[in-house]
Amino acid sequence: MSALNLRLPTSVHRHIRDISSHEGVSINQFIVSAVSEKISALTTEEYIASRAKRAGKGAFRRVLDRVPRRAPLPADEIPE
């Protein structure tokens, strides 16, 4: 594990302290969790973008063609 010195604005530090206290976790644990969530969001976005580049309309239509044809559920209809 490595250490990191981090400068935070006082207001941000106060929010982190209050939230981590309310959640019953350490400030360190809160920050690790927050950074991990951000990394996950960014890598997921990159993954989806790379998959989208490989996608084709023909394959998409073939998948949609396998969806059963039935009436929409109440409140799911497209208004006329």
PDB file of N, CA and C in Angstrom:
ATOM      1  N   MET A   1       0.861  -1.168   0.000  1.00  0.00           N
ATOM      2  CA  MET A   1       0.000   0.000   0.000  1.00  0.00           C
ATOM      3  C   MET A   1       0.903   1.224   0.000  1.00  0.00           C
ATOM      4  N   SER A   2       0.441   2.300  -0.598  1.00  0.00           N
ATOM      5  CA  SER A   2       1.251   3.514  -0.630  1.00  0.00           C
ATOM      6  C   SER A   2       0.528   4.657   0.069  1.00  0.00           C
ATOM      7  N   ALA A   3       1.290   5.660   0.436  1.00  0.00           N
ATOM      8  CA  ALA A   3       0.740   6.833   1.113  1.00  0.00           C
ATOM      9  C   ALA A   3       0.722   7.998   0.137  1.00  0.00           C
ATOM     10  N   LEU A   4      -0.205   8.903   0.362  1.00  0.00           N
ATOM     11  CA  LEU A   4      -0.362  10.067  -0.500  1.00  0.00           C
ATOM     12  C   LEU A   4      -0.699  11.270   0.362  1.00  0.00           C
ATOM     13  N   ASN A   5       0.077  12.323   0.221  1.00  0.00           N
ATOM     14  CA  ASN A   5      -0.257  13.573   0.904  1.00  0.00           C
ATOM     15  C   ASN A   5      -1.207  14.338  -0.001  1.00  0.00           C
ATOM     16  N   LEU A   6      -2.276  14.827   0.562  1.00  0.00           N
ATOM     17  CA  LEU A   6      -3.319  15.462  -0.229  1.00  0.00           C
ATOM     18  C   LEU A   6      -3.734  16.773   0.415  1.00  0.00           C
ATOM     19  N   ARG A   7      -3.747  17.832  -0.363  1.00  0.00           N
ATOM     20  CA  ARG A   7      -4.220  19.121   0.137  1.00  0.00           C
ATOM     21  C   ARG A   7      -5.663  19.288  -0.294  1.00  0.00           C
ATOM     22  N   LEU A   8      -6.529  19.564   0.672  1.00  0.00           N
ATOM     23  CA  LEU A   8      -7.956  19.739   0.407  1.00  0.00           C
ATOM     24  C   LEU A   8      -8.411  21.098   0.932  1.00  0.00           C
ATOM     25  N   PRO A   9      -9.322  21.723   0.233  1.00  0.00           N
ATOM     26  CA  PRO A   9      -9.925  22.924   0.805  1.00  0.00           C
ATOM     27  C   PRO A   9     -10.607  22.553   2.132  1.00  0.00           C
ATOM     28  N   THR A  10     -10.619  23.481   3.058  1.00  0.00           N
ATOM     29  CA  THR A  10     -11.202  23.241   4.379  1.00  0.00           C
ATOM     30  C   THR A  10     -12.648  22.767   4.274  1.00  0.00           C
ATOM     31  N   SER A  11     -13.407  23.365   3.380  1.00  0.00           N
ATOM     32  CA  SER A  11     -14.822  22.984   3.249  1.00  0.00           C
ATOM     33  C   SER A  11     -14.977  21.537   2.786  1.00  0.00           C
ATOM     34  N   VAL A  12     -14.121  21.110   1.844  1.00  0.00           N
ATOM     35  CA  VAL A  12     -14.187  19.725   1.359  1.00  0.00           C
ATOM     36  C   VAL A  12     -13.795  18.770   2.488  1.00  0.00           C
ATOM     37  N   HIS A  13     -12.744  19.098   3.205  1.00  0.00           N
ATOM     38  CA  HIS A  13     -12.314  18.263   4.321  1.00  0.00           C
ATOM     39  C   HIS A  13     -13.420  18.138   5.365  1.00  0.00           C
ATOM     40  N   ARG A  14     -14.102  19.237   5.645  1.00  0.00           N
ATOM     41  CA  ARG A  14     -15.195  19.222   6.620  1.00  0.00           C
ATOM     42  C   ARG A  14     -16.309  18.282   6.152  1.00  0.00           C
ATOM     43  N   HIS A  15     -16.668  18.373   4.866  1.00  0.00           N
ATOM     44  CA  HIS A  15     -17.721  17.483   4.339  1.00  0.00           C
ATOM     45  C   HIS A  15     -17.298  16.016   4.430  1.00  0.00           C
ATOM     46  N   ILE A  16     -16.064  15.736   4.047  1.00  0.00           N
ATOM     47  CA  ILE A  16     -15.563  14.359   4.128  1.00  0.00           C
ATOM     48  C   ILE A  16     -15.607  13.863   5.564  1.00  0.00           C
ATOM     49  N   ARG A  17     -15.144  14.693   6.498  1.00  0.00           N
ATOM     50  CA  ARG A  17     -15.143  14.318   7.921  1.00  0.00           C
ATOM     51  C   ARG A  17     -16.562  14.040   8.406  1.00  0.00           C
ATOM     52  N   ASP A  18     -17.504  14.930   8.050  1.00  0.00           N
ATOM     53  CA  ASP A  18     -18.888  14.766   8.507  1.00  0.00           C
ATOM     54  C   ASP A  18     -19.533  13.521   7.902  1.00  0.00           C
ATOM     55  N   ILE A  19     -19.351  13.335   6.597  1.00  0.00           N
ATOM     56  CA  ILE A  19     -19.975  12.188   5.927  1.00  0.00           C
ATOM     57  C   ILE A  19     -19.369  10.878   6.413  1.00  0.00           C
ATOM     58  N   SER A  20     -18.050  10.822   6.515  1.00  0.00           N
ATOM     59  CA  SER A  20     -17.430   9.574   6.959  1.00  0.00           C
ATOM     60  C   SER A  20     -17.839   9.240   8.391  1.00  0.00           C
ATOM     61  N   SER A  21     -17.957  10.266   9.228  1.00  0.00           N
ATOM     62  CA  SER A  21     -18.416  10.041  10.597  1.00  0.00           C
ATOM     63  C   SER A  21     -19.844   9.508  10.606  1.00  0.00           C
ATOM     64  N   HIS A  22     -20.689  10.119   9.799  1.00  0.00           N
ATOM     65  CA  HIS A  22     -22.098   9.679   9.716  1.00  0.00           C
ATOM     66  C   HIS A  22     -22.206   8.250   9.189  1.00  0.00           C
ATOM     67  N   GLU A  23     -21.317   7.896   8.252  1.00  0.00           N
ATOM     68  CA  GLU A  23     -21.329   6.548   7.667  1.00  0.00           C
ATOM     69  C   GLU A  23     -20.599   5.522   8.536  1.00  0.00           C
ATOM     70  N   GLY A  24     -19.887   6.006   9.553  1.00  0.00           N
ATOM     71  CA  GLY A  24     -19.177   5.089  10.444  1.00  0.00           C
ATOM     72  C   GLY A  24     -17.917   4.501   9.845  1.00  0.00           C
ATOM     73  N   VAL A  25     -17.260   5.261   8.969  1.00  0.00           N
ATOM     74  CA  VAL A  25     -16.010   4.806   8.361  1.00  0.00           C
ATOM     75  C   VAL A  25     -14.940   5.871   8.588  1.00  0.00           C
ATOM     76  N   SER A  26     -13.692   5.485   8.408  1.00  0.00           N
ATOM     77  CA  SER A  26     -12.604   6.449   8.556  1.00  0.00           C
ATOM     78  C   SER A  26     -12.567   7.363   7.332  1.00  0.00           C
ATOM     79  N   ILE A  27     -11.919   8.509   7.502  1.00  0.00           N
ATOM     80  CA  ILE A  27     -11.747   9.424   6.374  1.00  0.00           C
ATOM     81  C   ILE A  27     -10.971   8.720   5.261  1.00  0.00           C
ATOM     82  N   ASN A  28      -9.944   7.973   5.630  1.00  0.00           N
ATOM     83  CA  ASN A  28      -9.156   7.237   4.640  1.00  0.00           C
ATOM     84  C   ASN A  28     -10.041   6.266   3.854  1.00  0.00           C
ATOM     85  N   GLN A  29     -10.859   5.511   4.571  1.00  0.00           N
ATOM     86  CA  GLN A  29     -11.730   4.540   3.919  1.00  0.00           C
ATOM     87  C   GLN A  29     -12.731   5.241   3.006  1.00  0.00           C
ATOM     88  N   PHE A  30     -13.254   6.369   3.429  1.00  0.00           N
ATOM     89  CA  PHE A  30     -14.194   7.131   2.618  1.00  0.00           C
ATOM     90  C   PHE A  30     -13.531   7.601   1.321  1.00  0.00           C
ATOM     91  N   ILE A  31     -12.323   8.146   1.426  1.00  0.00           N
ATOM     92  CA  ILE A  31     -11.621   8.647   0.241  1.00  0.00           C
ATOM     93  C   ILE A  31     -11.260   7.503  -0.705  1.00  0.00           C
ATOM     94  N   VAL A  32     -10.793   6.383  -0.171  1.00  0.00           N
ATOM     95  CA  VAL A  32     -10.481   5.219  -1.013  1.00  0.00           C
ATOM     96  C   VAL A  32     -11.730   4.771  -1.765  1.00  0.00           C
ATOM     97  N   SER A  33     -12.852   4.725  -1.080  1.00  0.00           N
ATOM     98  CA  SER A  33     -14.102   4.319  -1.713  1.00  0.00           C
ATOM     99  C   SER A  33     -14.524   5.310  -2.799  1.00  0.00           C
ATOM    100  N   ALA A  34     -14.412   6.605  -2.511  1.00  0.00           N
ATOM    101  CA  ALA A  34     -14.811   7.631  -3.479  1.00  0.00           C
ATOM    102  C   ALA A  34     -13.929   7.577  -4.722  1.00  0.00           C
ATOM    103  N   VAL A  35     -12.625   7.424  -4.539  1.00  0.00           N
ATOM    104  CA  VAL A  35     -11.708   7.359  -5.681  1.00  0.00           C
ATOM    105  C   VAL A  35     -11.971   6.075  -6.477  1.00  0.00           C
ATOM    106  N   SER A  36     -12.223   4.973  -5.797  1.00  0.00           N
ATOM    107  CA  SER A  36     -12.523   3.713  -6.479  1.00  0.00           C
ATOM    108  C   SER A  36     -13.788   3.826  -7.320  1.00  0.00           C
ATOM    109  N   GLU A  37     -14.806   4.486  -6.790  1.00  0.00           N
ATOM    110  CA  GLU A  37     -16.040   4.688  -7.550  1.00  0.00           C
ATOM    111  C   GLU A  37     -15.779   5.517  -8.802  1.00  0.00           C
ATOM    112  N   LYS A  38     -14.964   6.547  -8.689  1.00  0.00           N
ATOM    113  CA  LYS A  38     -14.641   7.397  -9.842  1.00  0.00           C
ATOM    114  C   LYS A  38     -13.872   6.610 -10.884  1.00  0.00           C
ATOM    115  N   ILE A  39     -12.903   5.821 -10.465  1.00  0.00           N
ATOM    116  CA  ILE A  39     -12.138   4.985 -11.393  1.00  0.00           C
ATOM    117  C   ILE A  39     -13.072   4.025 -12.119  1.00  0.00           C
ATOM    118  N   SER A  40     -13.971   3.407 -11.380  1.00  0.00           N
ATOM    119  CA  SER A  40     -14.926   2.481 -11.975  1.00  0.00           C
ATOM    120  C   SER A  40     -15.796   3.172 -13.012  1.00  0.00           C
ATOM    121  N   ALA A  41     -16.282   4.367 -12.696  1.00  0.00           N
ATOM    122  CA  ALA A  41     -17.128   5.104 -13.630  1.00  0.00           C
ATOM    123  C   ALA A  41     -16.366   5.443 -14.909  1.00  0.00           C
ATOM    124  N   LEU A  42     -15.136   5.905 -14.771  1.00  0.00           N
ATOM    125  CA  LEU A  42     -14.345   6.282 -15.947  1.00  0.00           C
ATOM    126  C   LEU A  42     -13.984   5.075 -16.805  1.00  0.00           C
ATOM    127  N   THR A  43     -13.574   3.977 -16.171  1.00  0.00           N
ATOM    128  CA  THR A  43     -13.200   2.804 -16.961  1.00  0.00           C
ATOM    129  C   THR A  43     -14.427   2.173 -17.614  1.00  0.00           C
ATOM    130  N   THR A  44     -15.570   2.234 -16.957  1.00  0.00           N
ATOM    131  CA  THR A  44     -16.800   1.718 -17.567  1.00  0.00           C
ATOM    132  C   THR A  44     -17.171   2.553 -18.781  1.00  0.00           C
ATOM    133  N   GLU A  45     -17.047   3.863 -18.661  1.00  0.00           N
ATOM    134  CA  GLU A  45     -17.351   4.760 -19.785  1.00  0.00           C
ATOM    135  C   GLU A  45     -16.431   4.457 -20.973  1.00  0.00           C
ATOM    136  N   GLU A  46     -15.149   4.256 -20.700  1.00  0.00           N
ATOM    137  CA  GLU A  46     -14.195   3.914 -21.764  1.00  0.00           C
ATOM    138  C   GLU A  46     -14.536   2.570 -22.399  1.00  0.00           C
ATOM    139  N   TYR A  47     -14.909   1.598 -21.589  1.00  0.00           N
ATOM    140  CA  TYR A  47     -15.262   0.270 -22.095  1.00  0.00           C
ATOM    141  C   TYR A  47     -16.479   0.346 -23.005  1.00  0.00           C
ATOM    142  N   ILE A  48     -17.500   1.067 -22.569  1.00  0.00           N
ATOM    143  CA  ILE A  48     -18.717   1.185 -23.382  1.00  0.00           C
ATOM    144  C   ILE A  48     -18.420   1.909 -24.690  1.00  0.00           C
ATOM    145  N   ALA A  49     -17.594   2.952 -24.630  1.00  0.00           N
ATOM    146  CA  ALA A  49     -17.230   3.681 -25.852  1.00  0.00           C
ATOM    147  C   ALA A  49     -16.472   2.778 -26.820  1.00  0.00           C
ATOM    148  N   SER A  50     -15.563   1.954 -26.313  1.00  0.00           N
ATOM    149  CA  SER A  50     -14.816   1.056 -27.201  1.00  0.00           C
ATOM    150  C   SER A  50     -15.729  -0.007 -27.807  1.00  0.00           C
ATOM    151  N   ARG A  51     -16.686  -0.503 -27.026  1.00  0.00           N
ATOM    152  CA  ARG A  51     -17.657  -1.474 -27.560  1.00  0.00           C
ATOM    153  C   ARG A  51     -18.553  -0.824 -28.601  1.00  0.00           C
ATOM    154  N   ALA A  52     -18.941   0.424 -28.382  1.00  0.00           N
ATOM    155  CA  ALA A  52     -19.812   1.128 -29.320  1.00  0.00           C
ATOM    156  C   ALA A  52     -19.132   1.304 -30.671  1.00  0.00           C
ATOM    157  N   LYS A  53     -17.815   1.510 -30.670  1.00  0.00           N
ATOM    158  CA  LYS A  53     -17.077   1.670 -31.928  1.00  0.00           C
ATOM    159  C   LYS A  53     -17.119   0.401 -32.764  1.00  0.00           C
ATOM    160  N   ARG A  54     -17.219  -0.752 -32.105  1.00  0.00           N
ATOM    161  CA  ARG A  54     -17.247  -2.029 -32.826  1.00  0.00           C
ATOM    162  C   ARG A  54     -18.650  -2.427 -33.247  1.00  0.00           C
ATOM    163  N   ALA A  55     -19.653  -1.720 -32.755  1.00  0.00           N
ATOM    164  CA  ALA A  55     -21.043  -2.107 -33.005  1.00  0.00           C
ATOM    165  C   ALA A  55     -21.453  -1.776 -34.436  1.00  0.00           C
ATOM    166  N   GLY A  56     -22.404  -2.545 -34.918  1.00  0.00           N
ATOM    167  CA  GLY A  56     -22.960  -2.294 -36.243  1.00  0.00           C
ATOM    168  C   GLY A  56     -24.478  -2.296 -36.181  1.00  0.00           C
ATOM    169  N   LYS A  57     -25.092  -1.505 -37.040  1.00  0.00           N
ATOM    170  CA  LYS A  57     -26.555  -1.433 -37.042  1.00  0.00           C
ATOM    171  C   LYS A  57     -27.191  -2.777 -37.376  1.00  0.00           C
ATOM    172  N   GLY A  58     -26.568  -3.526 -38.264  1.00  0.00           N
ATOM    173  CA  GLY A  58     -27.130  -4.821 -38.645  1.00  0.00           C
ATOM    174  C   GLY A  58     -27.218  -5.769 -37.458  1.00  0.00           C
ATOM    175  N   ALA A  59     -26.153  -5.859 -36.683  1.00  0.00           N
ATOM    176  CA  ALA A  59     -26.152  -6.733 -35.504  1.00  0.00           C
ATOM    177  C   ALA A  59     -27.168  -6.250 -34.483  1.00  0.00           C
ATOM    178  N   PHE A  60     -27.265  -4.933 -34.321  1.00  0.00           N
ATOM    179  CA  PHE A  60     -28.234  -4.366 -33.383  1.00  0.00           C
ATOM    180  C   PHE A  60     -29.657  -4.731 -33.803  1.00  0.00           C
ATOM    181  N   ARG A  61     -29.950  -4.621 -35.095  1.00  0.00           N
ATOM    182  CA  ARG A  61     -31.301  -4.958 -35.582  1.00  0.00           C
ATOM    183  C   ARG A  61     -31.590  -6.452 -35.409  1.00  0.00           C
ATOM    184  N   ARG A  62     -30.585  -7.293 -35.591  1.00  0.00           N
ATOM    185  CA  ARG A  62     -30.797  -8.734 -35.397  1.00  0.00           C
ATOM    186  C   ARG A  62     -31.148  -9.044 -33.946  1.00  0.00           C
ATOM    187  N   VAL A  63     -30.512  -8.357 -33.018  1.00  0.00           N
ATOM    188  CA  VAL A  63     -30.847  -8.542 -31.604  1.00  0.00           C
ATOM    189  C   VAL A  63     -32.266  -8.067 -31.339  1.00  0.00           C
ATOM    190  N   LEU A  64     -32.620  -6.902 -31.843  1.00  0.00           N
ATOM    191  CA  LEU A  64     -33.971  -6.382 -31.637  1.00  0.00           C
ATOM    192  C   LEU A  64     -35.029  -7.278 -32.262  1.00  0.00           C
ATOM    193  N   ASP A  65     -34.702  -7.917 -33.376  1.00  0.00           N
ATOM    194  CA  ASP A  65     -35.660  -8.813 -34.040  1.00  0.00           C
ATOM    195  C   ASP A  65     -36.001 -10.027 -33.179  1.00  0.00           C
ATOM    196  N   ARG A  66     -35.147 -10.358 -32.222  1.00  0.00           N
ATOM    197  CA  ARG A  66     -35.408 -11.508 -31.342  1.00  0.00           C
ATOM    198  C   ARG A  66     -36.310 -11.148 -30.164  1.00  0.00           C
ATOM    199  N   VAL A  67     -36.574  -9.860 -29.972  1.00  0.00           N
ATOM    200  CA  VAL A  67     -37.438  -9.424 -28.873  1.00  0.00           C
ATOM    201  C   VAL A  67     -38.881  -9.764 -29.231  1.00  0.00           C
ATOM    202  N   PRO A  68     -39.614 -10.430 -28.329  1.00  0.00           N
ATOM    203  CA  PRO A  68     -41.007 -10.785 -28.633  1.00  0.00           C
ATOM    204  C   PRO A  68     -41.854  -9.541 -28.905  1.00  0.00           C
ATOM    205  N   ARG A  69     -42.751  -9.684 -29.855  1.00  0.00           N
ATOM    206  CA  ARG A  69     -43.660  -8.592 -30.186  1.00  0.00           C
ATOM    207  C   ARG A  69     -44.892  -8.713 -29.300  1.00  0.00           C
ATOM    208  N   ARG A  70     -45.124  -7.726 -28.481  1.00  0.00           N
ATOM    209  CA  ARG A  70     -46.320  -7.700 -27.634  1.00  0.00           C
ATOM    210  C   ARG A  70     -46.682  -6.257 -27.320  1.00  0.00           C
ATOM    211  N   ALA A  71     -47.905  -6.098 -26.872  1.00  0.00           N
ATOM    212  CA  ALA A  71     -48.391  -4.752 -26.553  1.00  0.00           C
ATOM    213  C   ALA A  71     -47.605  -4.197 -25.364  1.00  0.00           C
ATOM    214  N   PRO A  72     -47.372  -2.890 -25.346  1.00  0.00           N
ATOM    215  CA  PRO A  72     -46.660  -2.307 -24.205  1.00  0.00           C
ATOM    216  C   PRO A  72     -47.484  -2.399 -22.928  1.00  0.00           C
ATOM    217  N   LEU A  73     -46.794  -2.413 -21.816  1.00  0.00           N
ATOM    218  CA  LEU A  73     -47.471  -2.395 -20.529  1.00  0.00           C
ATOM    219  C   LEU A  73     -48.152  -1.047 -20.335  1.00  0.00           C
ATOM    220  N   PRO A  74     -49.180  -0.983 -19.499  1.00  0.00           N
ATOM    221  CA  PRO A  74     -49.825   0.303 -19.247  1.00  0.00           C
ATOM    222  C   PRO A  74     -48.785   1.343 -18.799  1.00  0.00           C
ATOM    223  N   ALA A  75     -48.915   2.542 -19.289  1.00  0.00           N
ATOM    224  CA  ALA A  75     -48.037   3.683 -19.011  1.00  0.00           C
ATOM    225  C   ALA A  75     -46.736   3.622 -19.788  1.00  0.00           C
ATOM    226  N   ASP A  76     -46.508   2.556 -20.576  1.00  0.00           N
ATOM    227  CA  ASP A  76     -45.307   2.471 -21.424  1.00  0.00           C
ATOM    228  C   ASP A  76     -45.603   2.796 -22.887  1.00  0.00           C
ATOM    229  N   GLU A  77     -46.858   3.057 -23.192  1.00  0.00           N
ATOM    230  CA  GLU A  77     -47.207   3.330 -24.570  1.00  0.00           C
ATOM    231  C   GLU A  77     -46.647   4.685 -24.999  1.00  0.00           C
ATOM    232  N   ILE A  78     -46.412   4.813 -26.287  1.00  0.00           N
ATOM    233  CA  ILE A  78     -45.989   6.090 -26.850  1.00  0.00           C
ATOM    234  C   ILE A  78     -47.253   6.899 -27.115  1.00  0.00           C
ATOM    235  N   PRO A  79     -47.345   8.104 -26.542  1.00  0.00           N
ATOM    236  CA  PRO A  79     -48.563   8.916 -26.735  1.00  0.00           C
ATOM    237  C   PRO A  79     -48.752   9.261 -28.212  1.00  0.00           C
ATOM    238  N   GLU A  80     -49.985   9.267 -28.617  1.00  0.00           N
ATOM    239  CA  GLU A  80     -50.280   9.590 -30.023  1.00  0.00           C
ATOM    240  C   GLU A  80     -50.531  11.058 -30.190  1.00  0.00           C
TER     241      GLU A  80
END
